[in-house]
Amino acid sequence: IADMQTAINALISGEIDMIEAPSHDLLPVLEKDRDIEIVIPDTLGNTY
């Protein structure tokens, strides 16, 4: 799903179960949904 907003909507509606790398600017939308959980599997992170 190339468009991240579409992917976010699909997660919220239950059409998909997980987004591996949601856009950081859309995380506040997901944080407000009681059915969605935000986890950080790699706490050291990545380097550009």
All heavy atoms as atom14 arrays in JSON, in Angstrom:
{
  "sequence": "IADMQTAINALISGEIDMIEAPSHDLLPVLEKDRDIEIVIPDTLGNTY",
  "atom14_mask": [
    [1, 1, 1, 1, 1, 1, 1, 1, 0, 0, 0, 0, 0, 0],
    [1, 1, 1, 1, 1, 0, 0, 0, 0, 0, 0, 0, 0, 0],
    [1, 1, 1, 1, 1, 1, 1, 1, 0, 0, 0, 0, 0, 0],
    [1, 1, 1, 1, 1, 1, 1, 1, 0, 0, 0, 0, 0, 0],
    [1, 1, 1, 1, 1, 1, 1, 1, 1, 0, 0, 0, 0, 0],
    [1, 1, 1, 1, 1, 1, 1, 0, 0, 0, 0, 0, 0, 0],
    [1, 1, 1, 1, 1, 0, 0, 0, 0, 0, 0, 0, 0, 0],
    [1, 1, 1, 1, 1, 1, 1, 1, 0, 0, 0, 0, 0, 0],
    [1, 1, 1, 1, 1, 1, 1, 1, 0, 0, 0, 0, 0, 0],
    [1, 1, 1, 1, 1, 0, 0, 0, 0, 0, 0, 0, 0, 0],
    [1, 1, 1, 1, 1, 1, 1, 1, 0, 0, 0, 0, 0, 0],
    [1, 1, 1, 1, 1, 1, 1, 1, 0, 0, 0, 0, 0, 0],
    [1, 1, 1, 1, 1, 1, 0, 0, 0, 0, 0, 0, 0, 0],
    [1, 1, 1, 1, 0, 0, 0, 0, 0, 0, 0, 0, 0, 0],
    [1, 1, 1, 1, 1, 1, 1, 1, 1, 0, 0, 0, 0, 0],
    [1, 1, 1, 1, 1, 1, 1, 1, 0, 0, 0, 0, 0, 0],
    [1, 1, 1, 1, 1, 1, 1, 1, 0, 0, 0, 0, 0, 0],
    [1, 1, 1, 1, 1, 1, 1, 1, 0, 0, 0, 0, 0, 0],
    [1, 1, 1, 1, 1, 1, 1, 1, 0, 0, 0, 0, 0, 0],
    [1, 1, 1, 1, 1, 1, 1, 1, 1, 0, 0, 0, 0, 0],
    [1, 1, 1, 1, 1, 0, 0, 0, 0, 0, 0, 0, 0, 0],
    [1, 1, 1, 1, 1, 1, 1, 0, 0, 0, 0, 0, 0, 0],
    [1, 1, 1, 1, 1, 1, 0, 0, 0, 0, 0, 0, 0, 0],
    [1, 1, 1, 1, 1, 1, 1, 1, 1, 1, 0, 0, 0, 0],
    [1, 1, 1, 1, 1, 1, 1, 1, 0, 0, 0, 0, 0, 0],
    [1, 1, 1, 1, 1, 1, 1, 1, 0, 0, 0, 0, 0, 0],
    [1, 1, 1, 1, 1, 1, 1, 1, 0, 0, 0, 0, 0, 0],
    [1, 1, 1, 1, 1, 1, 1, 0, 0, 0, 0, 0, 0, 0],
    [1, 1, 1, 1, 1, 1, 1, 0, 0, 0, 0, 0, 0, 0],
    [1, 1, 1, 1, 1, 1, 1, 1, 0, 0, 0, 0, 0, 0],
    [1, 1, 1, 1, 1, 1, 1, 1, 1, 0, 0, 0, 0, 0],
    [1, 1, 1, 1, 1, 1, 1, 1, 1, 0, 0, 0, 0, 0],
    [1, 1, 1, 1, 1, 1, 1, 1, 0, 0, 0, 0, 0, 0],
    [1, 1, 1, 1, 1, 1, 1, 1, 1, 1, 1, 0, 0, 0],
    [1, 1, 1, 1, 1, 1, 1, 1, 0, 0, 0, 0, 0, 0],
    [1, 1, 1, 1, 1, 1, 1, 1, 0, 0, 0, 0, 0, 0],
    [1, 1, 1, 1, 1, 1, 1, 1, 1, 0, 0, 0, 0, 0],
    [1, 1, 1, 1, 1, 1, 1, 1, 0, 0, 0, 0, 0, 0],
    [1, 1, 1, 1, 1, 1, 1, 0, 0, 0, 0, 0, 0, 0],
    [1, 1, 1, 1, 1, 1, 1, 1, 0, 0, 0, 0, 0, 0],
    [1, 1, 1, 1, 1, 1, 1, 0, 0, 0, 0, 0, 0, 0],
    [1, 1, 1, 1, 1, 1, 1, 1, 0, 0, 0, 0, 0, 0],
    [1, 1, 1, 1, 1, 1, 1, 0, 0, 0, 0, 0, 0, 0],
    [1, 1, 1, 1, 1, 1, 1, 1, 0, 0, 0, 0, 0, 0],
    [1, 1, 1, 1, 0, 0, 0, 0, 0, 0, 0, 0, 0, 0],
    [1, 1, 1, 1, 1, 1, 1, 1, 0, 0, 0, 0, 0, 0],
    [1, 1, 1, 1, 1, 1, 1, 0, 0, 0, 0, 0, 0, 0],
    [1, 1, 1, 1, 1, 1, 1, 1, 1, 1, 1, 1, 0, 0]
  ],
  "atom14_positions": [
    [[0.88, -1.17, 0.0], [0.0, 0.0, 0.0], [0.92, 1.23, 0.0], [1.5, 1.58, 1.03], [-0.94, 0.03, 1.22], [-1.8, -1.25, 1.26], [-1.83, 1.26, 1.19], [-2.75, -1.33, 2.44], [0.0, 0.0, 0.0], [0.0, 0.0, 0.0], [0.0, 0.0, 0.0], [0.0, 0.0, 0.0], [0.0, 0.0, 0.0], [0.0, 0.0, 0.0]],
    [[1.07, 1.83, -1.15], [2.05, 2.91, -1.29], [1.69, 4.15, -0.49], [2.57, 4.82, 0.05], [2.22, 3.26, -2.78], [0.0, 0.0, 0.0], [0.0, 0.0, 0.0], [0.0, 0.0, 0.0], [0.0, 0.0, 0.0], [0.0, 0.0, 0.0], [0.0, 0.0, 0.0], [0.0, 0.0, 0.0], [0.0, 0.0, 0.0], [0.0, 0.0, 0.0]],
    [[0.42, 4.45, -0.39], [-0.01, 5.65, 0.33], [-0.15, 5.32, 1.82], [-0.98, 4.49, 2.2], [-1.35, 6.15, -0.23], [-1.83, 7.4, 0.5], [-1.19, 8.45, 0.35], [-2.83, 7.28, 1.25], [0.0, 0.0, 0.0], [0.0, 0.0, 0.0], [0.0, 0.0, 0.0], [0.0, 0.0, 0.0], [0.0, 0.0, 0.0], [0.0, 0.0, 0.0]],
    [[0.63, 5.99, 2.66], [0.64, 5.67, 4.08], [-0.68, 6.01, 4.76], [-1.12, 5.28, 5.67], [1.8, 6.38, 4.77], [1.98, 6.02, 6.25], [2.09, 4.22, 6.58], [3.64, 3.82, 5.75], [0.0, 0.0, 0.0], [0.0, 0.0, 0.0], [0.0, 0.0, 0.0], [0.0, 0.0, 0.0], [0.0, 0.0, 0.0], [0.0, 0.0, 0.0]],
    [[-1.35, 7.06, 4.35], [-2.63, 7.39, 4.96], [-3.65, 6.28, 4.7], [-4.43, 5.9, 5.57], [-3.17, 8.72, 4.43], [-4.48, 9.16, 5.08], [-4.34, 9.41, 6.58], [-3.63, 10.31, 7.0], [-5.0, 8.6, 7.39], [0.0, 0.0, 0.0], [0.0, 0.0, 0.0], [0.0, 0.0, 0.0], [0.0, 0.0, 0.0], [0.0, 0.0, 0.0]],
    [[-3.6, 5.72, 3.5], [-4.48, 4.59, 3.17], [-4.15, 3.39, 4.05], [-5.05, 2.69, 4.53], [-4.33, 4.22, 1.68], [-4.65, 5.36, 0.88], [-5.25, 3.07, 1.32], [0.0, 0.0, 0.0], [0.0, 0.0, 0.0], [0.0, 0.0, 0.0], [0.0, 0.0, 0.0], [0.0, 0.0, 0.0], [0.0, 0.0, 0.0], [0.0, 0.0, 0.0]],
    [[-2.86, 3.14, 4.26], [-2.45, 2.03, 5.12], [-2.91, 2.25, 6.55], [-3.38, 1.31, 7.22], [-0.93, 1.87, 5.06], [0.0, 0.0, 0.0], [0.0, 0.0, 0.0], [0.0, 0.0, 0.0], [0.0, 0.0, 0.0], [0.0, 0.0, 0.0], [0.0, 0.0, 0.0], [0.0, 0.0, 0.0], [0.0, 0.0, 0.0], [0.0, 0.0, 0.0]],
    [[-2.8, 3.47, 7.03], [-3.24, 3.8, 8.39], [-4.74, 3.55, 8.53], [-5.21, 2.94, 9.51], [-2.93, 5.28, 8.72], [-1.42, 5.53, 8.75], [-3.58, 5.69, 10.04], [-0.69, 4.91, 9.9], [0.0, 0.0, 0.0], [0.0, 0.0, 0.0], [0.0, 0.0, 0.0], [0.0, 0.0, 0.0], [0.0, 0.0, 0.0], [0.0, 0.0, 0.0]],
    [[-5.5, 3.98, 7.56], [-6.95, 3.77, 7.58], [-7.29, 2.27, 7.58], [-8.23, 1.83, 8.26], [-7.62, 4.46, 6.39], [-7.52, 5.97, 6.48], [-7.3, 6.53, 7.56], [-7.67, 6.64, 5.35], [0.0, 0.0, 0.0], [0.0, 0.0, 0.0], [0.0, 0.0, 0.0], [0.0, 0.0, 0.0], [0.0, 0.0, 0.0], [0.0, 0.0, 0.0]],
    [[-6.52, 1.5, 6.81], [-6.75, 0.06, 6.75], [-6.45, -0.61, 8.09], [-7.15, -1.54, 8.49], [-5.9, -0.56, 5.64], [0.0, 0.0, 0.0], [0.0, 0.0, 0.0], [0.0, 0.0, 0.0], [0.0, 0.0, 0.0], [0.0, 0.0, 0.0], [0.0, 0.0, 0.0], [0.0, 0.0, 0.0], [0.0, 0.0, 0.0], [0.0, 0.0, 0.0]],
    [[-5.43, -0.12, 8.78], [-5.11, -0.67, 10.1], [-6.21, -0.34, 11.1], [-6.64, -1.2, 11.88], [-3.76, -0.13, 10.58], [-3.27, -0.67, 11.91], [-2.97, -2.16, 11.82], [-2.02, 0.09, 12.38], [0.0, 0.0, 0.0], [0.0, 0.0, 0.0], [0.0, 0.0, 0.0], [0.0, 0.0, 0.0], [0.0, 0.0, 0.0], [0.0, 0.0, 0.0]],
    [[-6.66, 0.88, 11.09], [-7.7, 1.3, 12.03], [-9.0, 0.53, 11.79], [-9.69, 0.14, 12.74], [-7.93, 2.83, 11.91], [-6.7, 3.58, 12.44], [-9.17, 3.26, 12.67], [-6.74, 5.08, 12.22], [0.0, 0.0, 0.0], [0.0, 0.0, 0.0], [0.0, 0.0, 0.0], [0.0, 0.0, 0.0], [0.0, 0.0, 0.0], [0.0, 0.0, 0.0]],
    [[-9.33, 0.27, 10.53], [-10.57, -0.43, 10.2], [-10.47, -1.94, 10.38], [-11.47, -2.65, 10.31], [-10.98, -0.12, 8.76], [-10.06, -0.7, 7.85], [0.0, 0.0, 0.0], [0.0, 0.0, 0.0], [0.0, 0.0, 0.0], [0.0, 0.0, 0.0], [0.0, 0.0, 0.0], [0.0, 0.0, 0.0], [0.0, 0.0, 0.0], [0.0, 0.0, 0.0]],
    [[-9.23, -2.45, 10.59], [-9.04, -3.88, 10.76], [-8.84, -4.65, 9.47], [-8.79, -5.88, 9.49], [0.0, 0.0, 0.0], [0.0, 0.0, 0.0], [0.0, 0.0, 0.0], [0.0, 0.0, 0.0], [0.0, 0.0, 0.0], [0.0, 0.0, 0.0], [0.0, 0.0, 0.0], [0.0, 0.0, 0.0], [0.0, 0.0, 0.0], [0.0, 0.0, 0.0]],
    [[-8.7, -3.96, 8.34], [-8.45, -4.64, 7.08], [-7.05, -5.24, 7.03], [-6.81, -6.21, 6.32], [-8.65, -3.66, 5.92], [-10.07, -3.13, 5.78], [-10.15, -2.05, 4.72], [-9.93, -2.37, 3.54], [-10.41, -0.87, 5.08], [0.0, 0.0, 0.0], [0.0, 0.0, 0.0], [0.0, 0.0, 0.0], [0.0, 0.0, 0.0], [0.0, 0.0, 0.0]],
    [[-6.12, -4.63, 7.76], [-4.78, -5.18, 7.91], [-4.48, -5.27, 9.41], [-5.18, -4.66, 10.23], [-3.7, -4.35, 7.19], [-3.63, -2.92, 7.76], [-3.95, -4.32, 5.69], [-2.47, -2.1, 7.21], [0.0, 0.0, 0.0], [0.0, 0.0, 0.0], [0.0, 0.0, 0.0], [0.0, 0.0, 0.0], [0.0, 0.0, 0.0], [0.0, 0.0, 0.0]],
    [[-3.44, -6.01, 9.75], [-3.14, -6.26, 11.15], [-1.92, -5.5, 11.67], [-1.78, -5.32, 12.88], [-2.88, -7.76, 11.36], [-4.04, -8.61, 10.88], [-5.13, -8.47, 11.44], [-3.84, -9.42, 9.94], [0.0, 0.0, 0.0], [0.0, 0.0, 0.0], [0.0, 0.0, 0.0], [0.0, 0.0, 0.0], [0.0, 0.0, 0.0], [0.0, 0.0, 0.0]],
    [[-1.06, -5.07, 10.77], [0.2, -4.49, 11.21], [0.79, -3.6, 10.13], [0.64, -3.88, 8.94], [1.19, -5.6, 11.57], [2.54, -5.15, 12.1], [3.69, -6.57, 12.29], [2.79, -7.6, 13.45], [0.0, 0.0, 0.0], [0.0, 0.0, 0.0], [0.0, 0.0, 0.0], [0.0, 0.0, 0.0], [0.0, 0.0, 0.0], [0.0, 0.0, 0.0]],
    [[1.46, -2.53, 10.55], [2.29, -1.72, 9.65], [3.7, -1.74, 10.23], [3.92, -1.31, 11.37], [1.78, -0.27, 9.54], [0.35, -0.24, 9.01], [2.7, 0.55, 8.63], [-0.24, 1.16, 8.93], [0.0, 0.0, 0.0], [0.0, 0.0, 0.0], [0.0, 0.0, 0.0], [0.0, 0.0, 0.0], [0.0, 0.0, 0.0], [0.0, 0.0, 0.0]],
    [[4.63, -2.25, 9.46], [6.0, -2.38, 9.97], [6.63, -1.03, 10.27], [7.31, -0.88, 11.29], [6.86, -3.13, 8.95], [8.29, -3.35, 9.44], [9.24, -3.78, 8.34], [8.95, -3.55, 7.15], [10.29, -4.35, 8.68], [0.0, 0.0, 0.0], [0.0, 0.0, 0.0], [0.0, 0.0, 0.0], [0.0, 0.0, 0.0], [0.0, 0.0, 0.0]],
    [[6.43, -0.05, 9.39], [7.12, 1.23, 9.54], [6.17, 2.39, 9.22], [6.29, 3.03, 8.18], [8.34, 1.28, 8.63], [0.0, 0.0, 0.0], [0.0, 0.0, 0.0], [0.0, 0.0, 0.0], [0.0, 0.0, 0.0], [0.0, 0.0, 0.0], [0.0, 0.0, 0.0], [0.0, 0.0, 0.0], [0.0, 0.0, 0.0], [0.0, 0.0, 0.0]],
    [[5.22, 2.68, 10.11], [4.31, 3.81, 9.84], [5.05, 5.14, 9.84], [6.06, 5.3, 10.54], [3.32, 3.73, 11.01], [4.06, 3.02, 12.09], [4.95, 2.05, 11.4], [0.0, 0.0, 0.0], [0.0, 0.0, 0.0], [0.0, 0.0, 0.0], [0.0, 0.0, 0.0], [0.0, 0.0, 0.0], [0.0, 0.0, 0.0], [0.0, 0.0, 0.0]],
    [[4.55, 6.08, 9.06], [5.16, 7.41, 9.03], [5.13, 8.04, 10.42], [4.11, 7.99, 11.11], [4.4, 8.32, 8.05], [4.43, 7.78, 6.75], [0.0, 0.0, 0.0], [0.0, 0.0, 0.0], [0.0, 0.0, 0.0], [0.0, 0.0, 0.0], [0.0, 0.0, 0.0], [0.0, 0.0, 0.0], [0.0, 0.0, 0.0], [0.0, 0.0, 0.0]],
    [[6.23, 8.63, 10.8], [6.31, 9.24, 12.13], [5.28, 10.35, 12.3], [4.72, 10.52, 13.39], [7.72, 9.78, 12.37], [8.75, 8.71, 12.57], [9.28, 7.98, 11.54], [9.34, 8.24, 13.71], [10.16, 7.12, 12.02], [10.22, 7.25, 13.33], [0.0, 0.0, 0.0], [0.0, 0.0, 0.0], [0.0, 0.0, 0.0], [0.0, 0.0, 0.0]],
    [[4.98, 11.08, 11.22], [4.04, 12.2, 11.36], [2.6, 11.74, 11.54], [1.74, 12.51, 11.96], [4.15, 13.14, 10.16], [3.8, 12.47, 8.84], [3.99, 11.25, 8.72], [3.33, 13.17, 7.93], [0.0, 0.0, 0.0], [0.0, 0.0, 0.0], [0.0, 0.0, 0.0], [0.0, 0.0, 0.0], [0.0, 0.0, 0.0], [0.0, 0.0, 0.0]],
    [[2.32, 10.45, 11.25], [0.97, 9.92, 11.42], [0.8, 9.11, 12.7], [-0.3, 8.63, 13.0], [0.59, 9.05, 10.21], [0.43, 9.81, 8.88], [0.17, 8.84, 7.74], [-0.67, 10.86, 8.97], [0.0, 0.0, 0.0], [0.0, 0.0, 0.0], [0.0, 0.0, 0.0], [0.0, 0.0, 0.0], [0.0, 0.0, 0.0], [0.0, 0.0, 0.0]],
    [[1.86, 8.97, 13.46], [1.76, 8.21, 14.71], [0.74, 8.8, 15.69], [0.05, 8.04, 16.38], [3.14, 8.11, 15.38], [4.14, 7.17, 14.69], [5.5, 7.27, 15.35], [3.64, 5.73, 14.73], [0.0, 0.0, 0.0], [0.0, 0.0, 0.0], [0.0, 0.0, 0.0], [0.0, 0.0, 0.0], [0.0, 0.0, 0.0], [0.0, 0.0, 0.0]],
    [[0.62, 10.14, 15.81], [-0.39, 10.68, 16.73], [-1.81, 10.19, 16.42], [-2.62, 10.01, 17.33], [-0.27, 12.19, 16.53], [1.16, 12.39, 16.14], [1.47, 11.22, 15.26], [0.0, 0.0, 0.0], [0.0, 0.0, 0.0], [0.0, 0.0, 0.0], [0.0, 0.0, 0.0], [0.0, 0.0, 0.0], [0.0, 0.0, 0.0], [0.0, 0.0, 0.0]],
    [[-2.1, 9.95, 15.14], [-3.43, 9.44, 14.77], [-3.61, 8.04, 15.34], [-4.67, 7.71, 15.91], [-3.58, 9.41, 13.23], [-4.92, 8.78, 12.84], [-3.46, 10.81, 12.66], [0.0, 0.0, 0.0], [0.0, 0.0, 0.0], [0.0, 0.0, 0.0], [0.0, 0.0, 0.0], [0.0, 0.0, 0.0], [0.0, 0.0, 0.0], [0.0, 0.0, 0.0]],
    [[-2.59, 7.21, 15.23], [-2.67, 5.85, 15.71], [-2.68, 5.79, 17.24], [-3.33, 4.93, 17.84], [-1.49, 5.03, 15.17], [-1.5, 4.81, 13.65], [-0.19, 4.18, 13.2], [-2.67, 3.93, 13.24], [0.0, 0.0, 0.0], [0.0, 0.0, 0.0], [0.0, 0.0, 0.0], [0.0, 0.0, 0.0], [0.0, 0.0, 0.0], [0.0, 0.0, 0.0]],
    [[-1.96, 6.69, 17.87], [-1.88, 6.7, 19.33], [-3.24, 6.97, 19.98], [-3.48, 6.6, 21.14], [-0.85, 7.73, 19.79], [0.59, 7.34, 19.47], [1.58, 8.47, 19.67], [1.14, 9.64, 19.8], [2.78, 8.19, 19.71], [0.0, 0.0, 0.0], [0.0, 0.0, 0.0], [0.0, 0.0, 0.0], [0.0, 0.0, 0.0], [0.0, 0.0, 0.0]],
    [[-4.14, 7.6, 19.25], [-5.46, 7.92, 19.79], [-6.45, 6.75, 19.67], [-7.52, 6.81, 20.25], [-6.02, 9.15, 19.06], [-5.24, 10.43, 19.3], [-5.81, 11.58, 18.47], [-5.0, 12.85, 18.65], [-5.52, 13.96, 17.81], [0.0, 0.0, 0.0], [0.0, 0.0, 0.0], [0.0, 0.0, 0.0], [0.0, 0.0, 0.0], [0.0, 0.0, 0.0]],
    [[-6.08, 5.73, 18.92], [-7.0, 4.61, 18.7], [-6.77, 3.53, 19.74], [-5.66, 2.96, 19.83], [-6.79, 4.04, 17.28], [-7.92, 3.12, 16.86], [-8.14, 2.11, 17.57], [-8.58, 3.38, 15.84], [0.0, 0.0, 0.0], [0.0, 0.0, 0.0], [0.0, 0.0, 0.0], [0.0, 0.0, 0.0], [0.0, 0.0, 0.0], [0.0, 0.0, 0.0]],
    [[-7.78, 3.17, 20.5], [-7.63, 2.21, 21.59], [-7.36, 0.8, 21.11], [-6.93, -0.06, 21.9], [-8.88, 2.23, 22.47], [-10.15, 1.72, 21.79], [-11.35, 1.74, 22.74], [-11.68, 3.09, 23.16], [-12.6, 3.37, 24.06], [-13.29, 2.4, 24.65], [-12.86, 4.64, 24.39], [0.0, 0.0, 0.0], [0.0, 0.0, 0.0], [0.0, 0.0, 0.0]],
    [[-7.62, 0.52, 19.84], [-7.39, -0.82, 19.31], [-6.02, -1.0, 18.67], [-5.7, -2.07, 18.15], [-8.47, -1.16, 18.27], [-9.85, -1.24, 18.88], [-9.95, -1.77, 20.01], [-10.81, -0.77, 18.25], [0.0, 0.0, 0.0], [0.0, 0.0, 0.0], [0.0, 0.0, 0.0], [0.0, 0.0, 0.0], [0.0, 0.0, 0.0], [0.0, 0.0, 0.0]],
    [[-5.23, 0.08, 18.68], [-3.9, 0.05, 18.04], [-2.83, 0.16, 19.11], [-2.95, 0.93, 20.07], [-3.75, 1.2, 17.03], [-4.88, 1.17, 16.0], [-2.38, 1.14, 16.35], [-4.92, -0.08, 15.15], [0.0, 0.0, 0.0], [0.0, 0.0, 0.0], [0.0, 0.0, 0.0], [0.0, 0.0, 0.0], [0.0, 0.0, 0.0], [0.0, 0.0, 0.0]],
    [[-1.77, -0.59, 18.93], [-0.64, -0.56, 19.85], [0.62, -0.14, 19.08], [0.88, -0.63, 17.99], [-0.43, -1.95, 20.47], [0.67, -2.01, 21.51], [0.8, -3.4, 22.11], [0.31, -4.37, 21.49], [1.39, -3.51, 23.2], [0.0, 0.0, 0.0], [0.0, 0.0, 0.0], [0.0, 0.0, 0.0], [0.0, 0.0, 0.0], [0.0, 0.0, 0.0]],
    [[1.38, 0.8, 19.67], [2.64, 1.25, 19.07], [3.78, 0.61, 19.85], [3.87, 0.75, 21.07], [2.78, 2.78, 19.12], [1.57, 3.46, 18.48], [4.08, 3.21, 18.44], [1.4, 3.18, 17.02], [0.0, 0.0, 0.0], [0.0, 0.0, 0.0], [0.0, 0.0, 0.0], [0.0, 0.0, 0.0], [0.0, 0.0, 0.0], [0.0, 0.0, 0.0]],
    [[4.66, -0.11, 19.15], [5.79, -0.75, 19.81], [7.07, -0.38, 19.06], [7.05, -0.07, 17.87], [5.63, -2.29, 19.85], [4.46, -2.67, 20.72], [5.48, -2.87, 18.46], [0.0, 0.0, 0.0], [0.0, 0.0, 0.0], [0.0, 0.0, 0.0], [0.0, 0.0, 0.0], [0.0, 0.0, 0.0], [0.0, 0.0, 0.0], [0.0, 0.0, 0.0]],
    [[8.19, -0.41, 19.79], [9.5, -0.13, 19.18], [10.35, -1.38, 19.36], [10.94, -1.61, 20.42], [10.17, 1.09, 19.83], [9.29, 2.33, 19.64], [11.56, 1.33, 19.22], [9.84, 3.58, 20.31], [0.0, 0.0, 0.0], [0.0, 0.0, 0.0], [0.0, 0.0, 0.0], [0.0, 0.0, 0.0], [0.0, 0.0, 0.0], [0.0, 0.0, 0.0]],
    [[10.41, -2.23, 18.35], [11.13, -3.5, 18.48], [12.64, -3.36, 18.5], [13.34, -4.25, 18.99], [10.66, -4.3, 17.25], [10.22, -3.27, 16.27], [9.71, -2.12, 17.06], [0.0, 0.0, 0.0], [0.0, 0.0, 0.0], [0.0, 0.0, 0.0], [0.0, 0.0, 0.0], [0.0, 0.0, 0.0], [0.0, 0.0, 0.0], [0.0, 0.0, 0.0]],
    [[13.17, -2.26, 17.97], [14.62, -2.04, 17.93], [14.91, -0.69, 18.58], [14.82, 0.36, 17.95], [15.12, -2.06, 16.48], [16.63, -1.86, 16.37], [17.31, -1.85, 17.42], [17.13, -1.7, 15.24], [0.0, 0.0, 0.0], [0.0, 0.0, 0.0], [0.0, 0.0, 0.0], [0.0, 0.0, 0.0], [0.0, 0.0, 0.0], [0.0, 0.0, 0.0]],
    [[15.26, -0.7, 19.88], [15.38, 0.55, 20.64], [16.65, 1.32, 20.32], [16.7, 2.53, 20.54], [15.34, 0.26, 22.15], [16.35, -0.71, 22.48], [13.98, -0.29, 22.55], [0.0, 0.0, 0.0], [0.0, 0.0, 0.0], [0.0, 0.0, 0.0], [0.0, 0.0, 0.0], [0.0, 0.0, 0.0], [0.0, 0.0, 0.0], [0.0, 0.0, 0.0]],
    [[17.68, 0.66, 19.8], [18.89, 1.39, 19.41], [18.64, 2.18, 18.13], [19.16, 3.26, 17.93], [20.06, 0.43, 19.22], [21.46, 1.06, 19.13], [21.75, 1.92, 20.35], [22.52, -0.02, 18.96], [0.0, 0.0, 0.0], [0.0, 0.0, 0.0], [0.0, 0.0, 0.0], [0.0, 0.0, 0.0], [0.0, 0.0, 0.0], [0.0, 0.0, 0.0]],
    [[17.81, 1.61, 17.26], [17.36, 2.35, 16.09], [18.23, 2.21, 14.86], [18.99, 1.26, 14.7], [0.0, 0.0, 0.0], [0.0, 0.0, 0.0], [0.0, 0.0, 0.0], [0.0, 0.0, 0.0], [0.0, 0.0, 0.0], [0.0, 0.0, 0.0], [0.0, 0.0, 0.0], [0.0, 0.0, 0.0], [0.0, 0.0, 0.0], [0.0, 0.0, 0.0]],
    [[18.08, 3.19, 13.98], [18.72, 3.19, 12.67], [19.49, 4.48, 12.45], [19.21, 5.51, 13.08], [17.66, 3.06, 11.58], [16.8, 1.83, 11.76], [17.17, 0.74, 11.36], [15.64, 2.0, 12.38], [0.0, 0.0, 0.0], [0.0, 0.0, 0.0], [0.0, 0.0, 0.0], [0.0, 0.0, 0.0], [0.0, 0.0, 0.0], [0.0, 0.0, 0.0]],
    [[20.44, 4.42, 11.52], [21.22, 5.6, 11.14], [21.02, 5.87, 9.66], [21.1, 4.95, 8.84], [22.71, 5.37, 11.42], [22.91, 5.19, 12.83], [23.55, 6.57, 10.97], [0.0, 0.0, 0.0], [0.0, 0.0, 0.0], [0.0, 0.0, 0.0], [0.0, 0.0, 0.0], [0.0, 0.0, 0.0], [0.0, 0.0, 0.0], [0.0, 0.0, 0.0]],
    [[20.75, 7.12, 9.32], [20.71, 7.51, 7.92], [22.14, 7.63, 7.39], [23.02, 8.16, 8.08], [20.0, 8.86, 7.75], [18.5, 8.77, 7.87], [17.81, 9.57, 8.78], [17.76, 7.91, 7.07], [16.43, 9.52, 8.9], [16.38, 7.84, 7.18], [15.72, 8.65, 8.09], [14.36, 8.57, 8.2], [0.0, 0.0, 0.0], [0.0, 0.0, 0.0]]
  ]
}
